[in-house]
Amino acid sequence: MGTITINVKDEVEEKFRKLASALYSGKKGYLGRAVTEAMEIWIKEKKQKEMAERELKVLDKGFNLGKVLVKKRTDIYDR
């Protein structure tokens, strides 16, 4: 396990501690669990945003699907 020393606004810390304590019943290690969960969510969101941006660039670039070999739908399906 790692140790991180950070500085946050007092009002944010107070709200975070109260919520984390309520969710984890104030048991030993509740703050670490809450911070770990918050960090995991943040990482997941950032990765998702990065993937979406990358895929949008691919879509903007476009796809080469080759020539159109079929002129009509009936050429594919016999109905």
PDB file of N, CA and C in Angstrom:
ATOM      1  N   MET A   1       0.833  -1.186   0.000  1.00  0.00           N
ATOM      2  CA  MET A   1       0.000   0.000   0.000  1.00  0.00           C
ATOM      3  C   MET A   1       0.867   1.235   0.000  1.00  0.00           C
ATOM      4  N   GLY A   2       0.366   2.260  -0.664  1.00  0.00           N
ATOM      5  CA  GLY A   2       1.088   3.514  -0.725  1.00  0.00           C
ATOM      6  C   GLY A   2       0.527   4.534   0.246  1.00  0.00           C
ATOM      7  N   THR A   3       1.337   5.516   0.525  1.00  0.00           N
ATOM      8  CA  THR A   3       0.910   6.610   1.387  1.00  0.00           C
ATOM      9  C   THR A   3       0.999   7.893   0.594  1.00  0.00           C
ATOM     10  N   ILE A   4      -0.091   8.672   0.608  1.00  0.00           N
ATOM     11  CA  ILE A   4      -0.137   9.937  -0.122  1.00  0.00           C
ATOM     12  C   ILE A   4      -0.510  11.032   0.866  1.00  0.00           C
ATOM     13  N   THR A   5       0.245  12.103   0.847  1.00  0.00           N
ATOM     14  CA  THR A   5      -0.074  13.266   1.659  1.00  0.00           C
ATOM     15  C   THR A   5      -0.581  14.346   0.726  1.00  0.00           C
ATOM     16  N   ILE A   6      -1.809  14.808   0.961  1.00  0.00           N
ATOM     17  CA  ILE A   6      -2.412  15.810   0.078  1.00  0.00           C
ATOM     18  C   ILE A   6      -3.023  16.937   0.892  1.00  0.00           C
ATOM     19  N   ASN A   7      -3.276  18.035   0.236  1.00  0.00           N
ATOM     20  CA  ASN A   7      -3.971  19.170   0.843  1.00  0.00           C
ATOM     21  C   ASN A   7      -5.257  19.420   0.067  1.00  0.00           C
ATOM     22  N   VAL A   8      -6.372  19.494   0.789  1.00  0.00           N
ATOM     23  CA  VAL A   8      -7.658  19.791   0.169  1.00  0.00           C
ATOM     24  C   VAL A   8      -8.337  20.899   0.968  1.00  0.00           C
ATOM     25  N   LYS A   9      -9.311  21.514   0.346  1.00  0.00           N
ATOM     26  CA  LYS A   9     -10.053  22.569   1.037  1.00  0.00           C
ATOM     27  C   LYS A   9     -10.750  21.977   2.261  1.00  0.00           C
ATOM     28  N   ASP A  10     -10.804  22.764   3.316  1.00  0.00           N
ATOM     29  CA  ASP A  10     -11.389  22.290   4.572  1.00  0.00           C
ATOM     30  C   ASP A  10     -12.825  21.823   4.407  1.00  0.00           C
ATOM     31  N   GLU A  11     -13.625  22.588   3.655  1.00  0.00           N
ATOM     32  CA  GLU A  11     -15.042  22.226   3.502  1.00  0.00           C
ATOM     33  C   GLU A  11     -15.199  20.924   2.703  1.00  0.00           C
ATOM     34  N   VAL A  12     -14.313  20.692   1.730  1.00  0.00           N
ATOM     35  CA  VAL A  12     -14.359  19.443   0.956  1.00  0.00           C
ATOM     36  C   VAL A  12     -13.974  18.271   1.851  1.00  0.00           C
ATOM     37  N   GLU A  13     -12.930  18.459   2.631  1.00  0.00           N
ATOM     38  CA  GLU A  13     -12.492  17.400   3.546  1.00  0.00           C
ATOM     39  C   GLU A  13     -13.589  17.038   4.536  1.00  0.00           C
ATOM     40  N   GLU A  14     -14.220  18.046   5.104  1.00  0.00           N
ATOM     41  CA  GLU A  14     -15.273  17.815   6.093  1.00  0.00           C
ATOM     42  C   GLU A  14     -16.447  17.028   5.474  1.00  0.00           C
ATOM     43  N   LYS A  15     -16.879  17.448   4.299  1.00  0.00           N
ATOM     44  CA  LYS A  15     -17.981  16.755   3.624  1.00  0.00           C
ATOM     45  C   LYS A  15     -17.591  15.321   3.275  1.00  0.00           C
ATOM     46  N   PHE A  16     -16.364  15.154   2.788  1.00  0.00           N
ATOM     47  CA  PHE A  16     -15.892  13.823   2.402  1.00  0.00           C
ATOM     48  C   PHE A  16     -15.829  12.901   3.613  1.00  0.00           C
ATOM     49  N   ARG A  17     -15.272  13.387   4.704  1.00  0.00           N
ATOM     50  CA  ARG A  17     -15.157  12.565   5.909  1.00  0.00           C
ATOM     51  C   ARG A  17     -16.536  12.161   6.444  1.00  0.00           C
ATOM     52  N   LYS A  18     -17.480  13.103   6.450  1.00  0.00           N
ATOM     53  CA  LYS A  18     -18.822  12.792   6.953  1.00  0.00           C
ATOM     54  C   LYS A  18     -19.494  11.736   6.089  1.00  0.00           C
ATOM     55  N   LEU A  19     -19.415  11.901   4.790  1.00  0.00           N
ATOM     56  CA  LEU A  19     -20.048  10.948   3.888  1.00  0.00           C
ATOM     57  C   LEU A  19     -19.380   9.580   3.961  1.00  0.00           C
ATOM     58  N   ALA A  20     -18.057   9.569   3.967  1.00  0.00           N
ATOM     59  CA  ALA A  20     -17.322   8.303   4.044  1.00  0.00           C
ATOM     60  C   ALA A  20     -17.622   7.588   5.363  1.00  0.00           C
ATOM     61  N   SER A  21     -17.683   8.332   6.440  1.00  0.00           N
ATOM     62  CA  SER A  21     -17.983   7.751   7.737  1.00  0.00           C
ATOM     63  C   SER A  21     -19.384   7.141   7.744  1.00  0.00           C
ATOM     64  N   ALA A  22     -20.338   7.838   7.143  1.00  0.00           N
ATOM     65  CA  ALA A  22     -21.717   7.332   7.094  1.00  0.00           C
ATOM     66  C   ALA A  22     -21.801   6.077   6.221  1.00  0.00           C
ATOM     67  N   LEU A  23     -21.108   6.080   5.095  1.00  0.00           N
ATOM     68  CA  LEU A  23     -21.173   4.938   4.181  1.00  0.00           C
ATOM     69  C   LEU A  23     -20.469   3.703   4.728  1.00  0.00           C
ATOM     70  N   TYR A  24     -19.354   3.908   5.389  1.00  0.00           N
ATOM     71  CA  TYR A  24     -18.568   2.786   5.893  1.00  0.00           C
ATOM     72  C   TYR A  24     -18.706   2.609   7.408  1.00  0.00           C
ATOM     73  N   SER A  25     -19.728   3.191   7.979  1.00  0.00           N
ATOM     74  CA  SER A  25     -20.053   3.060   9.410  1.00  0.00           C
ATOM     75  C   SER A  25     -18.921   3.512  10.330  1.00  0.00           C
ATOM     76  N   GLY A  26     -18.030   4.349   9.849  1.00  0.00           N
ATOM     77  CA  GLY A  26     -16.957   4.885  10.677  1.00  0.00           C
ATOM     78  C   GLY A  26     -15.981   3.839  11.179  1.00  0.00           C
ATOM     79  N   LYS A  27     -15.983   2.660  10.566  1.00  0.00           N
ATOM     80  CA  LYS A  27     -15.065   1.599  10.993  1.00  0.00           C
ATOM     81  C   LYS A  27     -13.641   1.932  10.587  1.00  0.00           C
ATOM     82  N   LYS A  28     -12.707   1.261  11.235  1.00  0.00           N
ATOM     83  CA  LYS A  28     -11.296   1.493  10.979  1.00  0.00           C
ATOM     84  C   LYS A  28     -10.991   1.334   9.487  1.00  0.00           C
ATOM     85  N   GLY A  29     -10.281   2.307   8.934  1.00  0.00           N
ATOM     86  CA  GLY A  29      -9.889   2.271   7.536  1.00  0.00           C
ATOM     87  C   GLY A  29     -10.935   2.823   6.583  1.00  0.00           C
ATOM     88  N   TYR A  30     -12.019   3.402   7.118  1.00  0.00           N
ATOM     89  CA  TYR A  30     -13.089   3.907   6.257  1.00  0.00           C
ATOM     90  C   TYR A  30     -12.600   5.000   5.322  1.00  0.00           C
ATOM     91  N   LEU A  31     -11.739   5.849   5.804  1.00  0.00           N
ATOM     92  CA  LEU A  31     -11.266   6.965   4.982  1.00  0.00           C
ATOM     93  C   LEU A  31     -10.413   6.459   3.821  1.00  0.00           C
ATOM     94  N   GLY A  32      -9.539   5.512   4.084  1.00  0.00           N
ATOM     95  CA  GLY A  32      -8.712   4.930   3.035  1.00  0.00           C
ATOM     96  C   GLY A  32      -9.544   4.223   1.978  1.00  0.00           C
ATOM     97  N   ARG A  33     -10.570   3.484   2.418  1.00  0.00           N
ATOM     98  CA  ARG A  33     -11.451   2.810   1.460  1.00  0.00           C
ATOM     99  C   ARG A  33     -12.194   3.817   0.593  1.00  0.00           C
ATOM    100  N   ALA A  34     -12.673   4.888   1.203  1.00  0.00           N
ATOM    101  CA  ALA A  34     -13.417   5.900   0.460  1.00  0.00           C
ATOM    102  C   ALA A  34     -12.519   6.627  -0.543  1.00  0.00           C
ATOM    103  N   VAL A  35     -11.312   6.956  -0.133  1.00  0.00           N
ATOM    104  CA  VAL A  35     -10.381   7.630  -1.041  1.00  0.00           C
ATOM    105  C   VAL A  35      -9.985   6.696  -2.180  1.00  0.00           C
ATOM    106  N   THR A  36      -9.747   5.434  -1.866  1.00  0.00           N
ATOM    107  CA  THR A  36      -9.400   4.462  -2.906  1.00  0.00           C
ATOM    108  C   THR A  36     -10.528   4.333  -3.921  1.00  0.00           C
ATOM    109  N   GLU A  37     -11.764   4.243  -3.437  1.00  0.00           N
ATOM    110  CA  GLU A  37     -12.919   4.147  -4.327  1.00  0.00           C
ATOM    111  C   GLU A  37     -13.038   5.396  -5.202  1.00  0.00           C
ATOM    112  N   ALA A  38     -12.851   6.560  -4.602  1.00  0.00           N
ATOM    113  CA  ALA A  38     -12.923   7.813  -5.356  1.00  0.00           C
ATOM    114  C   ALA A  38     -11.836   7.877  -6.428  1.00  0.00           C
ATOM    115  N   MET A  39     -10.644   7.429  -6.096  1.00  0.00           N
ATOM    116  CA  MET A  39      -9.544   7.443  -7.059  1.00  0.00           C
ATOM    117  C   MET A  39      -9.803   6.464  -8.200  1.00  0.00           C
ATOM    118  N   GLU A  40     -10.339   5.288  -7.883  1.00  0.00           N
ATOM    119  CA  GLU A  40     -10.645   4.297  -8.920  1.00  0.00           C
ATOM    120  C   GLU A  40     -11.705   4.833  -9.886  1.00  0.00           C
ATOM    121  N   ILE A  41     -12.718   5.494  -9.350  1.00  0.00           N
ATOM    122  CA  ILE A  41     -13.769   6.087 -10.197  1.00  0.00           C
ATOM    123  C   ILE A  41     -13.172   7.165 -11.081  1.00  0.00           C
ATOM    124  N   TRP A  42     -12.314   8.005 -10.527  1.00  0.00           N
ATOM    125  CA  TRP A  42     -11.685   9.080 -11.292  1.00  0.00           C
ATOM    126  C   TRP A  42     -10.846   8.506 -12.427  1.00  0.00           C
ATOM    127  N   ILE A  43     -10.067   7.472 -12.132  1.00  0.00           N
ATOM    128  CA  ILE A  43      -9.228   6.833 -13.151  1.00  0.00           C
ATOM    129  C   ILE A  43     -10.099   6.250 -14.257  1.00  0.00           C
ATOM    130  N   LYS A  44     -11.160   5.560 -13.878  1.00  0.00           N
ATOM    131  CA  LYS A  44     -12.064   4.947 -14.855  1.00  0.00           C
ATOM    132  C   LYS A  44     -12.681   6.014 -15.773  1.00  0.00           C
ATOM    133  N   GLU A  45     -13.121   7.120 -15.189  1.00  0.00           N
ATOM    134  CA  GLU A  45     -13.712   8.204 -15.983  1.00  0.00           C
ATOM    135  C   GLU A  45     -12.700   8.800 -16.951  1.00  0.00           C
ATOM    136  N   LYS A  46     -11.487   9.016 -16.504  1.00  0.00           N
ATOM    137  CA  LYS A  46     -10.453   9.592 -17.361  1.00  0.00           C
ATOM    138  C   LYS A  46     -10.097   8.644 -18.505  1.00  0.00           C
ATOM    139  N   LYS A  47      -9.996   7.359 -18.209  1.00  0.00           N
ATOM    140  CA  LYS A  47      -9.698   6.377 -19.249  1.00  0.00           C
ATOM    141  C   LYS A  47     -10.823   6.324 -20.274  1.00  0.00           C
ATOM    142  N   GLN A  48     -12.067   6.369 -19.786  1.00  0.00           N
ATOM    143  CA  GLN A  48     -13.221   6.333 -20.682  1.00  0.00           C
ATOM    144  C   GLN A  48     -13.228   7.555 -21.599  1.00  0.00           C
ATOM    145  N   LYS A  49     -12.926   8.719 -21.045  1.00  0.00           N
ATOM    146  CA  LYS A  49     -12.889   9.939 -21.838  1.00  0.00           C
ATOM    147  C   LYS A  49     -11.774   9.869 -22.886  1.00  0.00           C
ATOM    148  N   GLU A  50     -10.631   9.359 -22.484  1.00  0.00           N
ATOM    149  CA  GLU A  50      -9.493   9.213 -23.397  1.00  0.00           C
ATOM    150  C   GLU A  50      -9.837   8.266 -24.549  1.00  0.00           C
ATOM    151  N   MET A  51     -10.477   7.149 -24.219  1.00  0.00           N
ATOM    152  CA  MET A  51     -10.874   6.192 -25.256  1.00  0.00           C
ATOM    153  C   MET A  51     -11.885   6.813 -26.212  1.00  0.00           C
ATOM    154  N   ALA A  52     -12.846   7.542 -25.679  1.00  0.00           N
ATOM    155  CA  ALA A  52     -13.868   8.169 -26.518  1.00  0.00           C
ATOM    156  C   ALA A  52     -13.242   9.183 -27.467  1.00  0.00           C
ATOM    157  N   GLU A  53     -12.322   9.993 -26.959  1.00  0.00           N
ATOM    158  CA  GLU A  53     -11.653  10.981 -27.813  1.00  0.00           C
ATOM    159  C   GLU A  53     -10.851  10.299 -28.919  1.00  0.00           C
ATOM    160  N   ARG A  54     -10.159   9.221 -28.567  1.00  0.00           N
ATOM    161  CA  ARG A  54      -9.370   8.489 -29.548  1.00  0.00           C
ATOM    162  C   ARG A  54     -10.275   7.896 -30.634  1.00  0.00           C
ATOM    163  N   GLU A  55     -11.383   7.318 -30.233  1.00  0.00           N
ATOM    164  CA  GLU A  55     -12.299   6.713 -31.199  1.00  0.00           C
ATOM    165  C   GLU A  55     -12.973   7.770 -32.070  1.00  0.00           C
ATOM    166  N   LEU A  56     -13.266   8.931 -31.508  1.00  0.00           N
ATOM    167  CA  LEU A  56     -13.845  10.004 -32.308  1.00  0.00           C
ATOM    168  C   LEU A  56     -12.863  10.484 -33.376  1.00  0.00           C
ATOM    169  N   LYS A  57     -11.587  10.502 -33.046  1.00  0.00           N
ATOM    170  CA  LYS A  57     -10.574  10.868 -34.045  1.00  0.00           C
ATOM    171  C   LYS A  57     -10.568   9.862 -35.186  1.00  0.00           C
ATOM    172  N   VAL A  58     -10.702   8.578 -34.848  1.00  0.00           N
ATOM    173  CA  VAL A  58     -10.743   7.532 -35.875  1.00  0.00           C
ATOM    174  C   VAL A  58     -11.970   7.726 -36.755  1.00  0.00           C
ATOM    175  N   LEU A  59     -13.113   8.022 -36.139  1.00  0.00           N
ATOM    176  CA  LEU A  59     -14.333   8.243 -36.918  1.00  0.00           C
ATOM    177  C   LEU A  59     -14.208   9.465 -37.819  1.00  0.00           C
ATOM    178  N   ASP A  60     -13.600  10.533 -37.306  1.00  0.00           N
ATOM    179  CA  ASP A  60     -13.405  11.737 -38.117  1.00  0.00           C
ATOM    180  C   ASP A  60     -12.505  11.457 -39.313  1.00  0.00           C
ATOM    181  N   LYS A  61     -11.530  10.591 -39.115  1.00  0.00           N
ATOM    182  CA  LYS A  61     -10.615  10.225 -40.189  1.00  0.00           C
ATOM    183  C   LYS A  61     -11.356   9.461 -41.276  1.00  0.00           C
ATOM    184  N   GLY A  62     -12.312   8.640 -40.874  1.00  0.00           N
ATOM    185  CA  GLY A  62     -13.134   7.897 -41.827  1.00  0.00           C
ATOM    186  C   GLY A  62     -12.596   6.508 -42.083  1.00  0.00           C
ATOM    187  N   PHE A  63     -13.391   5.739 -42.817  1.00  0.00           N
ATOM    188  CA  PHE A  63     -13.046   4.369 -43.147  1.00  0.00           C
ATOM    189  C   PHE A  63     -13.081   4.191 -44.652  1.00  0.00           C
ATOM    190  N   ASN A  64     -12.162   3.418 -45.170  1.00  0.00           N
ATOM    191  CA  ASN A  64     -12.178   3.065 -46.575  1.00  0.00           C
ATOM    192  C   ASN A  64     -12.837   1.698 -46.689  1.00  0.00           C
ATOM    193  N   LEU A  65     -14.060   1.690 -47.205  1.00  0.00           N
ATOM    194  CA  LEU A  65     -14.795   0.443 -47.310  1.00  0.00           C
ATOM    195  C   LEU A  65     -14.700  -0.169 -48.698  1.00  0.00           C
ATOM    196  N   GLY A  66     -13.887   0.417 -49.547  1.00  0.00           N
ATOM    197  CA  GLY A  66     -13.699  -0.128 -50.882  1.00  0.00           C
ATOM    198  C   GLY A  66     -14.812   0.290 -51.825  1.00  0.00           C
ATOM    199  N   LYS A  67     -14.871  -0.396 -52.950  1.00  0.00           N
ATOM    200  CA  LYS A  67     -15.880  -0.088 -53.958  1.00  0.00           C
ATOM    201  C   LYS A  67     -17.229  -0.647 -53.554  1.00  0.00           C
ATOM    202  N   VAL A  68     -18.263  -0.034 -54.082  1.00  0.00           N
ATOM    203  CA  VAL A  68     -19.608  -0.562 -53.913  1.00  0.00           C
ATOM    204  C   VAL A  68     -19.813  -1.605 -54.997  1.00  0.00           C
ATOM    205  N   LEU A  69     -19.975  -2.847 -54.609  1.00  0.00           N
ATOM    206  CA  LEU A  69     -20.115  -3.934 -55.564  1.00  0.00           C
ATOM    207  C   LEU A  69     -21.573  -4.250 -55.859  1.00  0.00           C
ATOM    208  N   VAL A  70     -22.454  -3.804 -55.008  1.00  0.00           N
ATOM    209  CA  VAL A  70     -23.864  -4.106 -55.163  1.00  0.00           C
ATOM    210  C   VAL A  70     -24.616  -2.811 -55.410  1.00  0.00           C
ATOM    211  N   LYS A  71     -25.401  -2.778 -56.452  1.00  0.00           N
ATOM    212  CA  LYS A  71     -26.152  -1.576 -56.795  1.00  0.00           C
ATOM    213  C   LYS A  71     -27.524  -1.555 -56.139  1.00  0.00           C
ATOM    214  N   LYS A  72     -28.155  -2.765 -56.032  1.00  0.00           N
ATOM    215  CA  LYS A  72     -29.498  -2.858 -55.488  1.00  0.00           C
ATOM    216  C   LYS A  72     -29.544  -3.923 -54.400  1.00  0.00           C
ATOM    217  N   ARG A  73     -30.486  -3.762 -53.532  1.00  0.00           N
ATOM    218  CA  ARG A  73     -30.672  -4.727 -52.459  1.00  0.00           C
ATOM    219  C   ARG A  73     -31.050  -6.093 -53.027  1.00  0.00           C
ATOM    220  N   THR A  74     -31.796  -6.093 -54.083  1.00  0.00           N
ATOM    221  CA  THR A  74     -32.237  -7.372 -54.673  1.00  0.00           C
ATOM    222  C   THR A  74     -31.069  -8.170 -55.219  1.00  0.00           C
ATOM    223  N   ASP A  75     -29.960  -7.509 -55.481  1.00  0.00           N
ATOM    224  CA  ASP A  75     -28.782  -8.237 -55.934  1.00  0.00           C
ATOM    225  C   ASP A  75     -28.203  -9.134 -54.837  1.00  0.00           C
ATOM    226  N   ILE A  76     -28.480  -8.768 -53.602  1.00  0.00           N
ATOM    227  CA  ILE A  76     -27.985  -9.533 -52.458  1.00  0.00           C
ATOM    228  C   ILE A  76     -29.008 -10.563 -52.022  1.00  0.00           C
ATOM    229  N   TYR A  77     -30.262 -10.144 -51.933  1.00  0.00           N
ATOM    230  CA  TYR A  77     -31.324 -10.995 -51.420  1.00  0.00           C
ATOM    231  C   TYR A  77     -32.300 -11.373 -52.535  1.00  0.00           C
ATOM    232  N   ASP A  78     -32.583 -12.637 -52.648  1.00  0.00           N
ATOM    233  CA  ASP A  78     -33.583 -13.093 -53.607  1.00  0.00           C
ATOM    234  C   ASP A  78     -34.926 -13.175 -52.917  1.00  0.00           C
ATOM    235  N   ARG A  79     -35.768 -12.179 -53.167  1.00  0.00           N
ATOM    236  CA  ARG A  79     -37.099 -12.162 -52.554  1.00  0.00           C
ATOM    237  C   ARG A  79     -38.139 -11.914 -53.583  1.00  0.00           C
TER     238      ARG A  79
END
